[in-house]
Amino acid sequence: MRKPSIDSSSLAAARTGGPELSGTNLERASDHNQRVTLHAIRVNGPVIRTDLAAMTGLTPAGIANITKRLIKEGLILEAGRLRGARGQPATRLVINADSCFSVGLNVDRDHITLLLLDFLGKVRARSSREIAFAKPATVRTFFQRSIGQLLAKARISRDRLIGVGVAFPDDISRAHLPDQPGDYAAWASIKVDELIRDILNVPVFVENDAAAAAIGEMQFGAGQQYRSFFYLLVTAALGGGLVADGSYFRGANGRSGEIGWLRALDGSGADTQLQNIVSLSALYQRLADQGFRVASPQGLTRLEPGARRVVDHWVRESTEALVSSFLSINCLINPEAILIGGRLPAILVDQLAASLNETMGRFKTQLPAVAPVARAAMSDDAPAVGAAILPFSDRFLPSRSALMKTGGAL
């Protein structure tokens, strides 16, 4: 039986995630059209050329030329033919995951994570170290020693790397967390790209860790389901990021989503930064105050009953502290969802999300809309994966700035 025909508007509506797949006939737009086509194949593949034309708004001839060029460059592959329709079977196209690779590095106050990402978004190799307040020299040494081991493990040659992305917290020396040493302020005078650029001699891109996590979720996680969402990153501190209409929104100074700096009342009624309540550092401190020593996310999954009660109380307090900010996000932004990611174990993320949904539900009759709160699709490596996407974005993926591209590498 013949499949029902699908018009171009239906195909465009069916596409999910990422920037709008709309080609352009503007002058010097060849690169943009190629990026749009490549992204359409990545999101929808295996896909045939006629469907690509409908998705992108480009002509069949234009799609034929672009896909021919992409095949020649090794970025896409032919993956068999689509049979069952009339006429000559159409060739299906897919991304060539092995065409190029990038490196993602996440530096935070309690860990360093390094990974290799292929062009399809799969982590090929990974190394992570739990270390509190790592100094610049420690990060450089870790990167230098680990990258060669990861490349060897994944059997990837250095000449196939197109860049390094670094997810790094903004104001890392200003946000004072429990037990933060005074000399940690050394990061204020360090340019992260210069710290590691000479090791691989490829472009280095630096991004805020919460922004990188949101970008990773947008490209390879729940962004395939939601075009607009707020991302809450729970790490040693607390960050956020906003994806609006399939694009990451930075704000006037590139500092949108900085939810951790907002004010809230803690359990004793004292006014403090939200990240001093909702963060791994705050949770560890609560446990330590009650005589329970936990220093890693893994430790939070192996708690005795007394420590479990401390965590339950922290979830309730975090819920109360977040509600006001989440109500504002719903009213001002109207996202489809609020996603929680980061290093908080999945079982605790689910508990916090359920508590927030129950509390937020009380306001449904008082607000125009209330978005569901859910666990982000990606793992705790989201900042590192998002960072690794940056070189791909610079070279291959479409964005609103694709037609007037500015240098992103530092």
Protein backbone atom coordinates (compact mmCIF):
# COMPACT_ATOMS: atom_id res chain seq x y z
CA MET A 1 0.00 0.00 0.00
CA ARG A 2 1.30 3.44 -0.89
CA LYS A 3 2.24 5.71 1.96
CA PRO A 4 0.10 8.86 2.20
CA SER A 5 1.71 11.91 0.68
CA ILE A 6 3.22 14.46 3.06
CA ASP A 7 3.31 18.11 2.15
CA SER A 8 6.19 20.40 3.02
CA SER A 9 4.34 22.14 5.85
CA SER A 10 3.67 18.80 7.54
CA LEU A 11 7.31 17.81 7.28
CA ALA A 12 8.42 21.12 8.72
CA ALA A 13 6.02 20.72 11.61
CA ALA A 14 7.21 17.17 12.25
CA ARG A 15 10.85 18.23 12.55
CA THR A 16 11.93 18.68 16.14
CA GLY A 17 14.92 20.22 17.84
CA GLY A 18 17.64 22.63 16.91
CA PRO A 19 17.47 25.81 14.87
CA GLU A 20 14.81 26.33 12.22
CA LEU A 21 15.57 24.25 9.13
CA SER A 22 14.90 27.05 6.69
CA GLY A 23 17.21 27.60 3.76
CA THR A 24 17.86 30.94 2.16
CA ASN A 25 18.57 32.30 -1.28
CA LEU A 26 20.47 35.31 -0.01
CA GLU A 27 23.83 36.14 -1.52
CA ARG A 28 26.73 34.14 -0.07
CA ALA A 29 24.26 31.77 1.58
CA SER A 30 25.80 28.52 0.33
CA ASP A 31 27.41 27.76 3.68
CA HIS A 32 24.17 28.41 5.54
CA ASN A 33 22.18 26.15 3.23
CA GLN A 34 24.74 23.38 3.66
CA ARG A 35 24.55 23.73 7.45
CA VAL A 36 20.75 23.58 7.36
CA THR A 37 20.79 20.48 5.17
CA LEU A 38 23.38 18.75 7.32
CA HIS A 39 21.38 19.48 10.45
CA ALA A 40 18.19 18.14 8.83
CA ILE A 41 19.98 14.89 8.05
CA ARG A 42 21.36 14.67 11.59
CA VAL A 43 17.95 15.17 13.22
CA ASN A 44 15.81 13.16 10.78
CA GLY A 45 18.16 10.63 9.17
CA PRO A 46 17.92 8.23 7.48
CA VAL A 47 16.17 10.65 5.14
CA ILE A 48 15.70 10.92 1.38
CA ARG A 49 16.45 13.98 -0.74
CA THR A 50 12.85 14.84 -1.61
CA ASP A 51 11.99 15.02 2.08
CA LEU A 52 15.08 17.17 2.70
CA ALA A 53 13.84 19.64 0.10
CA ALA A 54 10.46 19.82 1.84
CA MET A 55 12.04 20.24 5.28
CA THR A 56 14.46 22.98 4.31
CA GLY A 57 12.50 24.85 1.65
CA LEU A 58 15.39 24.43 -0.77
CA THR A 59 14.90 23.25 -4.34
CA PRO A 60 15.46 19.58 -5.25
CA ALA A 61 18.35 20.69 -7.46
CA GLY A 62 19.86 22.64 -4.59
CA ILE A 63 19.54 19.64 -2.25
CA ALA A 64 21.12 17.39 -4.88
CA ASN A 65 24.15 19.67 -5.18
CA ILE A 66 24.54 20.10 -1.41
CA THR A 67 24.25 16.38 -0.61
CA LYS A 68 26.71 15.55 -3.38
CA ARG A 69 29.19 17.94 -1.79
CA LEU A 70 28.54 16.56 1.71
CA ILE A 71 29.14 13.00 0.50
CA LYS A 72 32.36 14.06 -1.19
CA GLU A 73 33.54 15.70 2.04
CA GLY A 74 32.71 12.54 3.96
CA LEU A 75 30.21 14.22 6.29
CA ILE A 76 27.24 12.07 5.22
CA LEU A 77 26.81 8.56 3.85
CA GLU A 78 24.33 6.76 1.63
CA ALA A 79 22.52 4.15 3.73
CA GLY A 80 20.58 1.99 1.29
CA ARG A 81 17.47 2.74 -0.68
CA LEU A 82 13.86 3.35 0.35
CA ARG A 83 11.72 0.73 -1.41
CA GLY A 84 7.98 0.28 -1.68
CA ALA A 85 7.16 3.46 -3.58
CA ARG A 86 6.73 3.91 -7.34
CA GLY A 87 9.67 4.61 -9.57
CA GLN A 88 13.37 4.36 -8.82
CA PRO A 89 14.02 3.66 -5.10
CA ALA A 90 15.28 6.79 -3.34
CA THR A 91 18.63 6.78 -1.56
CA ARG A 92 18.57 7.37 2.19
CA LEU A 93 21.17 9.64 3.74
CA VAL A 94 22.71 9.55 7.22
CA ILE A 95 25.41 11.40 9.12
CA ASN A 96 28.89 9.88 8.99
CA ALA A 97 29.64 9.66 12.72
CA ASP A 98 33.33 9.01 12.03
CA SER A 99 33.82 12.04 9.78
CA CYS A 100 35.25 14.22 12.55
CA PHE A 101 35.50 14.42 16.32
CA SER A 102 35.69 17.06 19.02
CA VAL A 103 36.86 17.26 22.61
CA GLY A 104 34.71 18.39 25.53
CA LEU A 105 36.23 19.54 28.82
CA ASN A 106 34.16 20.42 31.88
CA VAL A 107 35.98 22.13 34.75
CA ASP A 108 34.01 22.66 37.94
CA ARG A 109 34.66 23.17 41.63
CA ASP A 110 34.41 19.48 42.42
CA HIS A 111 35.48 17.59 39.31
CA ILE A 112 37.14 17.61 35.88
CA THR A 113 35.60 15.66 32.99
CA LEU A 114 37.11 15.10 29.56
CA LEU A 115 35.47 13.28 26.65
CA LEU A 116 35.63 12.65 22.91
CA LEU A 117 32.47 13.19 20.88
CA ASP A 118 31.77 11.93 17.37
CA PHE A 119 29.79 13.88 14.77
CA LEU A 120 26.58 12.09 15.69
CA GLY A 121 26.88 13.11 19.34
CA LYS A 122 28.06 9.80 20.79
CA VAL A 123 30.70 9.82 23.52
CA ARG A 124 33.55 7.62 22.27
CA ALA A 125 35.82 7.88 25.31
CA ARG A 126 35.66 9.59 28.70
CA SER A 127 37.81 10.35 31.72
CA SER A 128 36.73 12.07 34.92
CA ARG A 129 38.38 12.96 38.19
CA GLU A 130 36.72 13.98 41.44
CA ILE A 131 38.86 16.82 42.75
CA ALA A 132 37.87 19.78 44.87
CA PHE A 133 38.77 23.26 43.57
CA ALA A 134 41.33 22.15 40.99
CA LYS A 135 43.93 24.82 40.24
CA PRO A 136 44.83 25.81 36.65
CA ALA A 137 48.05 23.77 36.67
CA THR A 138 46.11 20.68 37.78
CA VAL A 139 43.58 21.10 34.97
CA ARG A 140 46.32 21.48 32.37
CA THR A 141 48.14 18.39 33.64
CA PHE A 142 44.94 16.34 33.64
CA PHE A 143 44.11 17.42 30.09
CA GLN A 144 47.62 16.81 28.80
CA ARG A 145 47.89 13.33 30.32
CA SER A 146 44.34 12.19 29.56
CA ILE A 147 43.76 13.30 25.98
CA GLY A 148 46.38 10.98 24.50
CA GLN A 149 44.97 8.04 26.45
CA LEU A 150 41.42 8.77 25.28
CA LEU A 151 42.47 9.09 21.64
CA ALA A 152 44.32 5.79 21.85
CA LYS A 153 41.38 4.08 23.57
CA ALA A 154 38.95 5.31 20.91
CA ARG A 155 41.46 4.72 18.09
CA ILE A 156 41.12 8.27 16.83
CA SER A 157 44.05 10.17 15.32
CA ARG A 158 44.67 13.75 16.38
CA ASP A 159 44.27 15.08 12.84
CA ARG A 160 40.56 14.15 12.97
CA LEU A 161 39.88 16.55 15.85
CA ILE A 162 38.29 19.83 14.80
CA GLY A 163 38.42 21.60 18.14
CA VAL A 164 38.07 21.63 21.90
CA GLY A 165 35.10 23.00 23.81
CA VAL A 166 35.45 23.96 27.47
CA ALA A 167 32.49 24.25 29.85
CA PHE A 168 33.59 26.54 32.65
CA PRO A 169 31.53 28.32 35.33
CA ASP A 170 31.28 32.09 35.07
CA ASP A 171 32.58 33.99 38.09
CA ILE A 172 34.32 30.84 39.30
CA SER A 173 36.46 32.88 41.68
CA ARG A 174 33.61 35.15 42.88
CA ALA A 175 31.02 32.59 43.91
CA HIS A 176 32.38 31.46 47.26
CA LEU A 177 31.30 27.95 48.16
CA PRO A 178 31.90 26.05 51.41
CA ASP A 179 35.57 25.11 51.92
CA GLN A 180 36.67 27.12 48.88
CA PRO A 181 40.38 27.95 49.35
CA GLY A 182 41.58 31.52 49.02
CA ASP A 183 44.06 30.74 46.23
CA TYR A 184 41.22 29.43 44.05
CA ALA A 185 40.85 33.06 42.97
CA ALA A 186 43.84 32.41 40.70
CA TRP A 187 41.32 31.47 38.00
CA ALA A 188 40.35 35.14 37.70
CA SER A 189 43.64 35.88 35.92
CA ILE A 190 43.68 32.76 33.72
CA LYS A 191 42.48 32.55 30.11
CA VAL A 192 41.21 29.00 29.86
CA ASP A 193 41.80 28.70 26.12
CA GLU A 194 45.44 29.71 26.49
CA LEU A 195 45.86 27.16 29.27
CA ILE A 196 45.38 24.19 26.91
CA ARG A 197 45.49 25.48 23.32
CA ASP A 198 49.09 24.42 22.62
CA ILE A 199 48.45 20.81 23.64
CA LEU A 200 46.43 19.91 20.53
CA ASN A 201 46.84 23.06 18.40
CA VAL A 202 43.18 23.15 17.40
CA PRO A 203 40.61 25.92 18.03
CA VAL A 204 39.43 26.19 21.63
CA PHE A 205 35.93 27.45 22.51
CA VAL A 206 34.96 28.43 26.05
CA GLU A 207 31.36 28.46 27.27
CA ASN A 208 29.58 28.87 30.58
CA ASP A 209 28.88 25.40 31.99
CA ALA A 210 25.11 25.88 32.30
CA ALA A 211 24.90 27.30 28.78
CA ALA A 212 26.94 24.37 27.47
CA ALA A 213 24.64 21.89 29.24
CA ALA A 214 21.54 23.58 27.81
CA ILE A 215 23.09 23.56 24.32
CA GLY A 216 23.90 19.87 24.70
CA GLU A 217 20.33 19.16 25.80
CA MET A 218 19.02 21.24 22.88
CA GLN A 219 21.05 19.35 20.28
CA PHE A 220 21.06 15.78 21.60
CA GLY A 221 18.56 15.57 24.48
CA ALA A 222 15.09 16.89 25.23
CA GLY A 223 15.58 19.58 22.60
CA GLN A 224 14.25 16.98 20.19
CA GLN A 225 10.95 17.20 22.12
CA TYR A 226 10.84 20.80 23.38
CA ARG A 227 11.71 23.88 21.33
CA SER A 228 11.58 26.18 24.36
CA PHE A 229 12.77 25.17 27.80
CA PHE A 230 14.61 26.45 30.85
CA TYR A 231 17.54 24.32 31.97
CA LEU A 232 18.51 24.14 35.66
CA LEU A 233 22.07 22.86 36.19
CA VAL A 234 22.69 21.50 39.69
CA THR A 235 26.42 21.09 40.30
CA ALA A 236 28.70 22.31 43.07
CA ALA A 237 26.86 25.61 42.48
CA LEU A 238 23.66 26.37 40.55
CA GLY A 239 23.27 27.63 36.99
CA GLY A 240 20.66 27.94 34.31
CA GLY A 241 20.17 28.33 30.59
CA LEU A 242 17.33 29.29 28.28
CA VAL A 243 16.45 27.74 24.93
CA ALA A 244 13.81 29.73 23.04
CA ASP A 245 12.32 28.62 19.73
CA GLY A 246 15.11 26.10 19.14
CA SER A 247 18.01 28.49 19.80
CA TYR A 248 20.05 29.21 22.89
CA PHE A 249 19.22 32.68 24.23
CA ARG A 250 22.17 34.58 25.68
CA GLY A 251 20.76 37.96 26.61
CA ALA A 252 22.40 41.36 26.17
CA ASN A 253 25.63 40.47 27.99
CA GLY A 254 25.65 36.73 27.47
CA ARG A 255 24.52 36.13 31.05
CA SER A 256 20.94 34.96 30.71
CA GLY A 257 19.74 32.14 32.95
CA GLU A 258 21.89 33.05 35.98
CA ILE A 259 19.35 31.66 38.43
CA GLY A 260 21.93 30.76 41.07
CA TRP A 261 22.52 34.45 41.84
CA LEU A 262 18.86 35.12 42.67
CA ARG A 263 17.86 35.51 46.29
CA ALA A 264 15.85 33.11 48.43
CA LEU A 265 15.16 32.34 52.08
CA ASP A 266 16.91 29.34 53.58
CA GLY A 267 15.45 27.04 56.21
CA SER A 268 16.22 29.48 58.99
CA GLY A 269 14.61 32.39 57.15
CA ALA A 270 17.90 34.07 56.23
CA ASP A 271 18.18 35.79 52.84
CA THR A 272 20.89 34.21 50.68
CA GLN A 273 21.84 33.32 47.11
CA LEU A 274 19.72 30.50 45.68
CA GLN A 275 22.86 28.47 44.92
CA ASN A 276 23.65 28.43 48.64
CA ILE A 277 20.51 26.36 49.10
CA VAL A 278 20.08 24.40 45.85
CA SER A 279 23.48 22.90 45.00
CA LEU A 280 25.62 19.88 45.74
CA SER A 281 27.84 22.03 47.95
CA ALA A 282 24.86 23.04 50.07
CA LEU A 283 23.63 19.45 50.29
CA TYR A 284 27.06 18.13 51.31
CA GLN A 285 27.27 20.83 53.97
CA ARG A 286 23.84 19.89 55.36
CA LEU A 287 24.92 16.29 55.61
CA ALA A 288 28.25 17.23 57.22
CA ASP A 289 26.46 19.37 59.81
CA GLN A 290 24.53 16.26 60.84
CA GLY A 291 27.63 14.09 61.00
CA PHE A 292 27.37 12.44 57.57
CA ARG A 293 30.45 12.77 55.36
CA VAL A 294 29.53 12.69 51.65
CA ALA A 295 31.79 14.21 49.03
CA SER A 296 30.60 12.87 45.67
CA PRO A 297 27.35 12.33 43.76
CA GLN A 298 27.92 8.58 43.98
CA GLY A 299 27.94 8.86 47.75
CA LEU A 300 24.43 10.31 47.63
CA THR A 301 23.13 7.02 46.24
CA ARG A 302 24.40 5.01 49.23
CA LEU A 303 22.95 6.78 52.26
CA GLU A 304 21.96 5.36 55.62
CA PRO A 305 18.45 6.21 56.91
CA GLY A 306 19.59 9.21 58.97
CA ALA A 307 21.38 10.78 56.02
CA ARG A 308 18.40 10.00 53.81
CA ARG A 309 16.20 12.08 56.08
CA VAL A 310 18.63 15.01 55.74
CA VAL A 311 18.36 14.73 51.95
CA ASP A 312 14.57 14.59 52.09
CA HIS A 313 14.56 17.79 54.15
CA TRP A 314 16.94 19.41 51.63
CA VAL A 315 14.56 18.49 48.79
CA ARG A 316 11.67 20.17 50.59
CA GLU A 317 13.72 23.29 51.36
CA SER A 318 15.05 23.44 47.79
CA THR A 319 11.50 23.20 46.48
CA GLU A 320 10.37 26.14 48.58
CA ALA A 321 13.44 28.14 47.57
CA LEU A 322 12.91 27.47 43.84
CA VAL A 323 9.16 28.04 43.61
CA SER A 324 9.30 31.83 43.40
CA SER A 325 11.91 31.75 40.62
CA PHE A 326 10.03 29.04 38.73
CA LEU A 327 6.80 31.03 38.92
CA SER A 328 8.65 34.00 37.43
CA ILE A 329 10.13 31.83 34.69
CA ASN A 330 6.66 30.57 33.77
CA CYS A 331 5.20 34.06 33.63
CA LEU A 332 8.08 35.82 31.89
CA ILE A 333 9.34 33.11 29.53
CA ASN A 334 6.49 30.59 29.16
CA PRO A 335 8.72 27.56 28.45
CA GLU A 336 7.35 24.18 27.42
CA ALA A 337 9.28 22.58 30.28
CA ILE A 338 11.81 23.24 33.02
CA LEU A 339 14.53 20.59 32.87
CA ILE A 340 16.86 19.68 35.72
CA GLY A 341 20.30 18.33 34.90
CA GLY A 342 23.79 18.26 36.35
CA ARG A 343 25.54 15.97 38.81
CA LEU A 344 22.68 15.39 41.21
CA PRO A 345 21.88 11.63 41.00
CA ALA A 346 18.87 10.80 38.83
CA ILE A 347 16.84 9.45 41.75
CA LEU A 348 17.21 12.77 43.58
CA VAL A 349 16.47 14.80 40.44
CA ASP A 350 13.25 12.84 40.04
CA GLN A 351 12.38 13.41 43.70
CA LEU A 352 13.04 17.15 43.40
CA ALA A 353 11.07 17.37 40.13
CA ALA A 354 8.10 15.56 41.67
CA SER A 355 8.16 17.87 44.69
CA LEU A 356 8.31 20.94 42.45
CA ASN A 357 5.49 19.71 40.21
CA GLU A 358 3.28 19.10 43.23
CA THR A 359 3.99 22.56 44.65
CA MET A 360 3.73 24.34 41.30
CA GLY A 361 0.45 22.59 40.63
CA ARG A 362 -1.16 24.70 43.35
CA PHE A 363 -0.67 27.78 41.18
CA LYS A 364 -2.18 26.45 37.95
CA THR A 365 -5.43 28.33 38.42
CA GLN A 366 -3.57 31.55 39.21
CA LEU A 367 -1.12 31.63 36.27
CA PRO A 368 -1.56 31.68 32.48
CA ALA A 369 0.54 28.50 32.17
CA VAL A 370 2.69 26.25 34.34
CA ALA A 371 5.39 24.18 32.61
CA PRO A 372 6.16 20.67 33.88
CA VAL A 373 9.45 20.10 35.68
CA ALA A 374 11.37 17.02 34.53
CA ARG A 375 14.79 15.41 34.56
CA ALA A 376 16.92 16.39 31.58
CA ALA A 377 17.53 13.61 29.07
CA MET A 378 21.30 13.82 29.12
CA SER A 379 23.52 12.49 31.88
CA ASP A 380 25.72 14.45 34.24
CA ASP A 381 28.16 14.86 31.35
CA ALA A 382 25.84 17.40 29.73
CA PRO A 383 28.25 20.37 30.20
CA ALA A 384 31.14 18.41 28.66
CA VAL A 385 28.98 17.15 25.78
CA GLY A 386 27.60 20.64 25.22
CA ALA A 387 31.14 22.00 25.19
CA ALA A 388 32.18 19.39 22.64
CA ILE A 389 29.33 20.53 20.39
CA LEU A 390 30.83 24.03 20.14
CA PRO A 391 33.44 23.12 17.48
CA PHE A 392 30.75 21.32 15.48
CA SER A 393 28.48 24.36 15.74
CA ASP A 394 31.23 26.65 14.54
CA ARG A 395 31.98 24.50 11.50
CA PHE A 396 28.77 22.71 10.56
CA LEU A 397 25.55 23.47 12.45
CA PRO A 398 23.08 26.24 11.57
CA SER A 399 22.44 29.21 13.81
CA ARG A 400 20.89 32.62 13.61
CA SER A 401 24.37 34.05 13.11
CA ALA A 402 25.32 31.62 10.36
CA LEU A 403 24.98 34.24 7.61
CA MET A 404 27.05 36.83 9.47
CA LYS A 405 29.46 34.54 11.26
CA THR A 406 31.83 35.96 13.84
CA GLY A 407 34.81 34.19 15.32
CA GLY A 408 33.82 31.98 18.23
CA ALA A 409 37.18 30.41 18.93
CA LEU A 410 39.23 32.08 21.60
